[in-house]
Every structure is written in structure tokens, then in C-alpha cells.
Amino acid sequence: METQLIIGVALAIFVLYDAKKIGIRKGLVTGFGNLSAWGWFWLTSILGIIGFGIYWYRRSELIEAIAATSSGSTPQDAVPAIAASTGQSPKMSPLKIVGAVLGVAVMFSLLQENGMQGIHGKVAEDAVKQYDMASRNGSSIDACVHAGLVSAAYLQAQDESGYKKWKSIEQSDCRVAGIHK
């Protein structure tokens, strides 16, 4: 979670710096993306990597609109006029494609990381429930074995405090069962 926060803040600061550097201001384009530099900052702060992807996708259009306003034409007509004069729609640049692929890859890895932590936590919770049943209804050896399973589940979840707690429970249950490790 801290990694996502750090990445989100860094991306938002980069977007603010870049938007101010190239001169983005409100009113350059029509529709979604008609934001000031601070608007892009807040969009990226709230949406994280998705907001950055939107900014990066619209960036070249914003730069063209800035160039058109400095040459005297209206900013709203800059990009459509360029597309109409060539008879084609604007092409995706390789930089946009690479940025989109990297954005999707980062988003996927962050979501997968969070999903795996949740799964490991659920496995540990289920192991605790199984231990409770085994200690209530089974023998002392069952309690020893299930305490070991719970400590292994916390080790897999990388929860050090839970692991230490259940390792001591495992040792005491195994002593009661006559198993010395």
C-alpha cells in the first residue's frame, strides 16, 4: 500500500511539473481533459496511474493546442484541423503505445500484489479457524499440528507478529502433546 501511495504522489508531482513546464492551462482543448496544470495534478492524485495514463495520452494534443494558440488560431480547432487537413485521424505515437502498455503492466502488478496479500491473509484466517476446531474436538497432537499450519500460513503471508505468536502457541501445544522440537 505504501508503494502505491509513493508512486501516486510521484506521478502527480511529475504531472504538475510537466504541465506547468509546457504551459498547460484550462481552455486549450474541449471535452474531458480541459484542465489546468493543477487540475491534472489532482486528477493524477486521485486516480493514480490511470490519471497519469490519461494525462500522457492527452499530452501531445495539449502541446499541439498550445502551439496553435501561440500561432494565432483557436485552440479548440487545432487538433481537428490538423486531422482534417491530412484526411486521416491522428496516429498513436510509439511513445503513447509504450506508455499505455507500461501503465497497464504497473496497474496489473499492483492489483495482483494486493490480491495476493488478501489471499494469504484469508488462508491464515482459515488456518486459525481450523486450529480452533482441532483444539476443541481433536487430540493434543491435532492441536500441535494445526498450530504449525497456522504459523506456516502467517509465514507465507509475511506477517511477522502473527508468525511469532503462533510459533510460541505451536511450541506450547507440542510440549503438551509430548513432541519436542
C-alpha atoms as a PDB file:
ATOM      1  CA  MET A   1       0.000   0.000   0.000  1.00  0.00           C
ATOM      2  CA  GLU A   2       2.847   2.393   0.787  1.00  0.00           C
ATOM      3  CA  THR A   3       4.379   1.661  -2.612  1.00  0.00           C
ATOM      4  CA  GLN A   4       1.162   2.663  -4.372  1.00  0.00           C
ATOM      5  CA  LEU A   5       0.998   5.878  -2.371  1.00  0.00           C
ATOM      6  CA  ILE A   6       4.602   6.782  -3.179  1.00  0.00           C
ATOM      7  CA  ILE A   7       4.085   6.032  -6.885  1.00  0.00           C
ATOM      8  CA  GLY A   8       0.850   8.054  -6.930  1.00  0.00           C
ATOM      9  CA  VAL A   9       2.436  11.090  -5.271  1.00  0.00           C
ATOM     10  CA  ALA A  10       5.493  10.927  -7.537  1.00  0.00           C
ATOM     11  CA  LEU A  11       3.328  10.697 -10.660  1.00  0.00           C
ATOM     12  CA  ALA A  12       1.131  13.596  -9.527  1.00  0.00           C
ATOM     13  CA  ILE A  13       4.165  15.798  -8.849  1.00  0.00           C
ATOM     14  CA  PHE A  14       5.672  14.848 -12.218  1.00  0.00           C
ATOM     15  CA  VAL A  15       2.396  15.695 -13.978  1.00  0.00           C
ATOM     16  CA  LEU A  16       2.203  19.086 -12.236  1.00  0.00           C
ATOM     17  CA  TYR A  17       5.833  19.880 -13.123  1.00  0.00           C
ATOM     18  CA  ASP A  18       5.429  18.751 -16.730  1.00  0.00           C
ATOM     19  CA  ALA A  19       2.095  20.536 -17.224  1.00  0.00           C
ATOM     20  CA  LYS A  20       3.491  23.812 -15.875  1.00  0.00           C
ATOM     21  CA  LYS A  21       6.681  23.429 -17.917  1.00  0.00           C
ATOM     22  CA  ILE A  22       4.859  23.031 -21.238  1.00  0.00           C
ATOM     23  CA  GLY A  23       2.296  25.718 -20.349  1.00  0.00           C
ATOM     24  CA  ILE A  24      -0.944  23.792 -19.965  1.00  0.00           C
ATOM     25  CA  ARG A  25      -3.900  25.915 -18.921  1.00  0.00           C
ATOM     26  CA  LYS A  26      -7.646  25.484 -18.854  1.00  0.00           C
ATOM     27  CA  GLY A  27      -9.415  26.125 -22.144  1.00  0.00           C
ATOM     28  CA  LEU A  28      -6.822  24.669 -24.509  1.00  0.00           C
ATOM     29  CA  VAL A  29      -8.973  21.716 -25.577  1.00  0.00           C
ATOM     30  CA  THR A  30     -12.633  20.822 -25.405  1.00  0.00           C
ATOM     31  CA  GLY A  31     -14.173  17.914 -23.551  1.00  0.00           C
ATOM     32  CA  PHE A  32     -12.540  15.712 -20.992  1.00  0.00           C
ATOM     33  CA  GLY A  33      -9.025  16.897 -20.306  1.00  0.00           C
ATOM     34  CA  ASN A  34      -9.844  20.606 -20.350  1.00  0.00           C
ATOM     35  CA  LEU A  35      -7.904  21.060 -17.120  1.00  0.00           C
ATOM     36  CA  SER A  36      -5.300  23.412 -15.732  1.00  0.00           C
ATOM     37  CA  ALA A  37      -1.930  22.105 -14.546  1.00  0.00           C
ATOM     38  CA  TRP A  38      -3.328  21.840 -11.018  1.00  0.00           C
ATOM     39  CA  GLY A  39      -6.397  20.056 -12.373  1.00  0.00           C
ATOM     40  CA  TRP A  40      -4.153  17.417 -13.927  1.00  0.00           C
ATOM     41  CA  PHE A  41      -2.261  17.187 -10.629  1.00  0.00           C
ATOM     42  CA  TRP A  42      -5.460  16.472  -8.695  1.00  0.00           C
ATOM     43  CA  LEU A  43      -6.738  14.040 -11.323  1.00  0.00           C
ATOM     44  CA  THR A  44      -3.487  12.093 -11.103  1.00  0.00           C
ATOM     45  CA  SER A  45      -3.509  12.295  -7.294  1.00  0.00           C
ATOM     46  CA  ILE A  46      -6.994  10.811  -7.131  1.00  0.00           C
ATOM     47  CA  LEU A  47      -6.770   8.253  -9.941  1.00  0.00           C
ATOM     48  CA  GLY A  48      -3.067   7.409  -9.649  1.00  0.00           C
ATOM     49  CA  ILE A  49      -1.628   5.527 -12.611  1.00  0.00           C
ATOM     50  CA  ILE A  50      -4.919   5.801 -14.504  1.00  0.00           C
ATOM     51  CA  GLY A  51      -4.855   9.602 -14.231  1.00  0.00           C
ATOM     52  CA  PHE A  52      -1.243   9.590 -15.385  1.00  0.00           C
ATOM     53  CA  GLY A  53      -2.209   7.470 -18.387  1.00  0.00           C
ATOM     54  CA  ILE A  54      -4.986   9.894 -19.289  1.00  0.00           C
ATOM     55  CA  TYR A  55      -2.584  12.838 -18.973  1.00  0.00           C
ATOM     56  CA  TRP A  56       0.092  11.148 -21.048  1.00  0.00           C
ATOM     57  CA  TYR A  57      -2.463  10.243 -23.718  1.00  0.00           C
ATOM     58  CA  ARG A  58      -3.782  13.836 -23.935  1.00  0.00           C
ATOM     59  CA  ARG A  59      -0.344  15.486 -23.591  1.00  0.00           C
ATOM     60  CA  SER A  60       0.512  15.650 -27.302  1.00  0.00           C
ATOM     61  CA  GLU A  61      -2.932  17.096 -28.070  1.00  0.00           C
ATOM     62  CA  LEU A  62      -2.371  19.736 -25.394  1.00  0.00           C
ATOM     63  CA  ILE A  63       1.075  20.595 -26.796  1.00  0.00           C
ATOM     64  CA  GLU A  64      -0.420  20.989 -30.284  1.00  0.00           C
ATOM     65  CA  ALA A  65      -3.153  23.233 -28.853  1.00  0.00           C
ATOM     66  CA  ILE A  66      -0.522  25.376 -27.101  1.00  0.00           C
ATOM     67  CA  ALA A  67       1.399  25.684 -30.382  1.00  0.00           C
ATOM     68  CA  ALA A  68      -1.800  26.599 -32.234  1.00  0.00           C
ATOM     69  CA  THR A  69      -2.702  29.325 -29.726  1.00  0.00           C
ATOM     70  CA  SER A  70       0.761  30.835 -29.990  1.00  0.00           C
ATOM     71  CA  SER A  71       0.418  30.916 -33.798  1.00  0.00           C
ATOM     72  CA  GLY A  72      -2.949  32.687 -33.603  1.00  0.00           C
ATOM     73  CA  SER A  73      -5.548  30.011 -34.386  1.00  0.00           C
ATOM     74  CA  THR A  74      -8.191  28.919 -31.906  1.00  0.00           C
ATOM     75  CA  PRO A  75      -7.156  26.078 -29.587  1.00  0.00           C
ATOM     76  CA  GLN A  76     -10.407  24.143 -29.980  1.00  0.00           C
ATOM     77  CA  ASP A  77      -9.845  23.767 -33.724  1.00  0.00           C
ATOM     78  CA  ALA A  78      -6.141  22.906 -33.580  1.00  0.00           C
ATOM     79  CA  VAL A  79      -6.208  19.109 -33.476  1.00  0.00           C
ATOM     80  CA  PRO A  80      -9.328  18.549 -35.635  1.00  0.00           C
ATOM     81  CA  ALA A  81      -7.892  20.962 -38.231  1.00  0.00           C
ATOM     82  CA  ILE A  82      -4.640  19.013 -38.358  1.00  0.00           C
ATOM     83  CA  ALA A  83      -6.545  15.739 -38.780  1.00  0.00           C
ATOM     84  CA  ALA A  84      -8.911  17.213 -41.402  1.00  0.00           C
ATOM     85  CA  SER A  85      -6.086  18.678 -43.484  1.00  0.00           C
ATOM     86  CA  THR A  86      -4.449  15.271 -43.863  1.00  0.00           C
ATOM     87  CA  GLY A  87      -7.727  13.390 -44.284  1.00  0.00           C
ATOM     88  CA  GLN A  88      -6.700  10.954 -41.558  1.00  0.00           C
ATOM     89  CA  SER A  89      -7.232  10.588 -37.864  1.00  0.00           C
ATOM     90  CA  PRO A  90      -4.194  11.348 -35.687  1.00  0.00           C
ATOM     91  CA  LYS A  91      -1.943   8.287 -35.255  1.00  0.00           C
ATOM     92  CA  MET A  92      -0.847   6.830 -31.960  1.00  0.00           C
ATOM     93  CA  SER A  93       2.813   7.604 -31.424  1.00  0.00           C
ATOM     94  CA  PRO A  94       5.117   4.799 -30.259  1.00  0.00           C
ATOM     95  CA  LEU A  95       5.665   6.742 -27.027  1.00  0.00           C
ATOM     96  CA  LYS A  96       1.926   6.683 -26.286  1.00  0.00           C
ATOM     97  CA  ILE A  97       1.745   2.967 -27.011  1.00  0.00           C
ATOM     98  CA  VAL A  98       4.714   2.206 -24.741  1.00  0.00           C
ATOM     99  CA  GLY A  99       3.250   4.454 -22.034  1.00  0.00           C
ATOM    100  CA  ALA A 100      -0.111   2.708 -22.243  1.00  0.00           C
ATOM    101  CA  VAL A 101       1.471  -0.752 -22.075  1.00  0.00           C
ATOM    102  CA  LEU A 102       3.663   0.234 -19.115  1.00  0.00           C
ATOM    103  CA  GLY A 103       0.690   1.816 -17.351  1.00  0.00           C
ATOM    104  CA  VAL A 104      -1.383  -1.328 -17.751  1.00  0.00           C
ATOM    105  CA  ALA A 105       1.540  -3.501 -16.599  1.00  0.00           C
ATOM    106  CA  VAL A 106       2.137  -1.402 -13.467  1.00  0.00           C
ATOM    107  CA  MET A 107      -1.579  -1.345 -12.658  1.00  0.00           C
ATOM    108  CA  PHE A 108      -1.834  -5.120 -13.126  1.00  0.00           C
ATOM    109  CA  SER A 109       1.176  -5.812 -10.893  1.00  0.00           C
ATOM    110  CA  LEU A 110      -0.123  -3.517  -8.138  1.00  0.00           C
ATOM    111  CA  LEU A 111      -3.565  -5.109  -8.236  1.00  0.00           C
ATOM    112  CA  GLN A 112      -2.059  -8.594  -8.236  1.00  0.00           C
ATOM    113  CA  GLU A 113       0.183  -7.740  -5.273  1.00  0.00           C
ATOM    114  CA  ASN A 114      -2.807  -6.514  -3.266  1.00  0.00           C
ATOM    115  CA  GLY A 115      -4.839  -9.549  -4.287  1.00  0.00           C
ATOM    116  CA  MET A 116      -2.144 -11.981  -3.172  1.00  0.00           C
ATOM    117  CA  GLN A 117      -1.786 -10.275   0.212  1.00  0.00           C
ATOM    118  CA  GLY A 118      -5.538 -10.618   0.690  1.00  0.00           C
ATOM    119  CA  ILE A 119      -5.415 -14.291  -0.275  1.00  0.00           C
ATOM    120  CA  HIS A 120      -2.548 -15.021   2.125  1.00  0.00           C
ATOM    121  CA  GLY A 121      -4.409 -13.232   4.918  1.00  0.00           C
ATOM    122  CA  LYS A 122      -7.542 -15.279   4.190  1.00  0.00           C
ATOM    123  CA  VAL A 123      -5.513 -18.510   4.261  1.00  0.00           C
ATOM    124  CA  ALA A 124      -4.126 -17.547   7.675  1.00  0.00           C
ATOM    125  CA  GLU A 125      -7.637 -16.754   8.982  1.00  0.00           C
ATOM    126  CA  ASP A 126      -8.928 -20.110   7.727  1.00  0.00           C
ATOM    127  CA  ALA A 127      -5.989 -21.908   9.348  1.00  0.00           C
ATOM    128  CA  VAL A 128      -6.834 -20.247  12.692  1.00  0.00           C
ATOM    129  CA  LYS A 129     -10.441 -21.466  12.390  1.00  0.00           C
ATOM    130  CA  GLN A 130      -9.211 -24.991  11.638  1.00  0.00           C
ATOM    131  CA  TYR A 131      -6.881 -24.823  14.643  1.00  0.00           C
ATOM    132  CA  ASP A 132      -9.780 -23.763  16.872  1.00  0.00           C
ATOM    133  CA  MET A 133     -11.845 -26.746  15.708  1.00  0.00           C
ATOM    134  CA  ALA A 134      -8.916 -29.148  16.082  1.00  0.00           C
ATOM    135  CA  SER A 135      -8.071 -27.915  19.576  1.00  0.00           C
ATOM    136  CA  ARG A 136     -11.726 -28.192  20.689  1.00  0.00           C
ATOM    137  CA  ASN A 137     -12.507 -31.558  19.123  1.00  0.00           C
ATOM    138  CA  GLY A 138      -9.205 -33.301  18.486  1.00  0.00           C
ATOM    139  CA  SER A 139      -6.256 -34.588  20.425  1.00  0.00           C
ATOM    140  CA  SER A 140      -3.299 -32.586  21.659  1.00  0.00           C
ATOM    141  CA  ILE A 141      -1.319 -33.837  18.652  1.00  0.00           C
ATOM    142  CA  ASP A 142      -4.003 -32.389  16.340  1.00  0.00           C
ATOM    143  CA  ALA A 143      -3.659 -29.038  18.118  1.00  0.00           C
ATOM    144  CA  CYS A 144       0.134 -29.181  17.743  1.00  0.00           C
ATOM    145  CA  VAL A 145      -0.075 -29.982  14.026  1.00  0.00           C
ATOM    146  CA  HIS A 146      -2.682 -27.306  13.298  1.00  0.00           C
ATOM    147  CA  ALA A 147      -0.751 -24.674  15.271  1.00  0.00           C
ATOM    148  CA  GLY A 148       2.195 -25.459  12.977  1.00  0.00           C
ATOM    149  CA  LEU A 149      -0.055 -24.986   9.948  1.00  0.00           C
ATOM    150  CA  VAL A 150      -1.232 -21.617  11.274  1.00  0.00           C
ATOM    151  CA  SER A 151       2.335 -20.436  11.878  1.00  0.00           C
ATOM    152  CA  ALA A 152       3.246 -21.546   8.331  1.00  0.00           C
ATOM    153  CA  ALA A 153       0.261 -19.605   6.948  1.00  0.00           C
ATOM    154  CA  TYR A 154       1.397 -16.445   8.752  1.00  0.00           C
ATOM    155  CA  LEU A 155       4.924 -17.000   7.457  1.00  0.00           C
ATOM    156  CA  GLN A 156       3.541 -17.229   3.903  1.00  0.00           C
ATOM    157  CA  ALA A 157       1.525 -14.029   4.489  1.00  0.00           C
ATOM    158  CA  GLN A 158       4.733 -12.324   5.714  1.00  0.00           C
ATOM    159  CA  ASP A 159       3.018 -11.346   8.970  1.00  0.00           C
ATOM    160  CA  GLU A 160       5.898 -11.500  11.434  1.00  0.00           C
ATOM    161  CA  SER A 161       3.913 -10.724  14.581  1.00  0.00           C
ATOM    162  CA  GLY A 162       1.308 -13.380  13.723  1.00  0.00           C
ATOM    163  CA  TYR A 163       4.070 -15.853  12.925  1.00  0.00           C
ATOM    164  CA  LYS A 164       5.861 -15.282  16.250  1.00  0.00           C
ATOM    165  CA  LYS A 165       2.600 -15.575  18.188  1.00  0.00           C
ATOM    166  CA  TRP A 166       1.609 -18.837  16.527  1.00  0.00           C
ATOM    167  CA  LYS A 167       5.118 -20.274  16.716  1.00  0.00           C
ATOM    168  CA  SER A 168       5.003 -19.907  20.512  1.00  0.00           C
ATOM    169  CA  ILE A 169       1.487 -21.442  20.562  1.00  0.00           C
ATOM    170  CA  GLU A 170       2.799 -24.299  18.414  1.00  0.00           C
ATOM    171  CA  GLN A 171       5.710 -24.917  20.804  1.00  0.00           C
ATOM    172  CA  SER A 172       3.458 -24.963  23.870  1.00  0.00           C
ATOM    173  CA  ASP A 173       0.859 -27.230  22.184  1.00  0.00           C
ATOM    174  CA  CYS A 174       3.588 -29.601  21.025  1.00  0.00           C
ATOM    175  CA  ARG A 175       5.062 -29.757  24.552  1.00  0.00           C
ATOM    176  CA  VAL A 176       1.606 -30.680  25.876  1.00  0.00           C
ATOM    177  CA  ALA A 177       1.381 -33.401  23.192  1.00  0.00           C
ATOM    178  CA  GLY A 178       4.822 -34.711  24.170  1.00  0.00           C
ATOM    179  CA  ILE A 179       6.505 -33.607  20.951  1.00  0.00           C
ATOM    180  CA  HIS A 180       9.707 -31.649  21.477  1.00  0.00           C
ATOM    181  CA  LYS A 181      11.103 -29.701  18.550  1.00  0.00           C
END
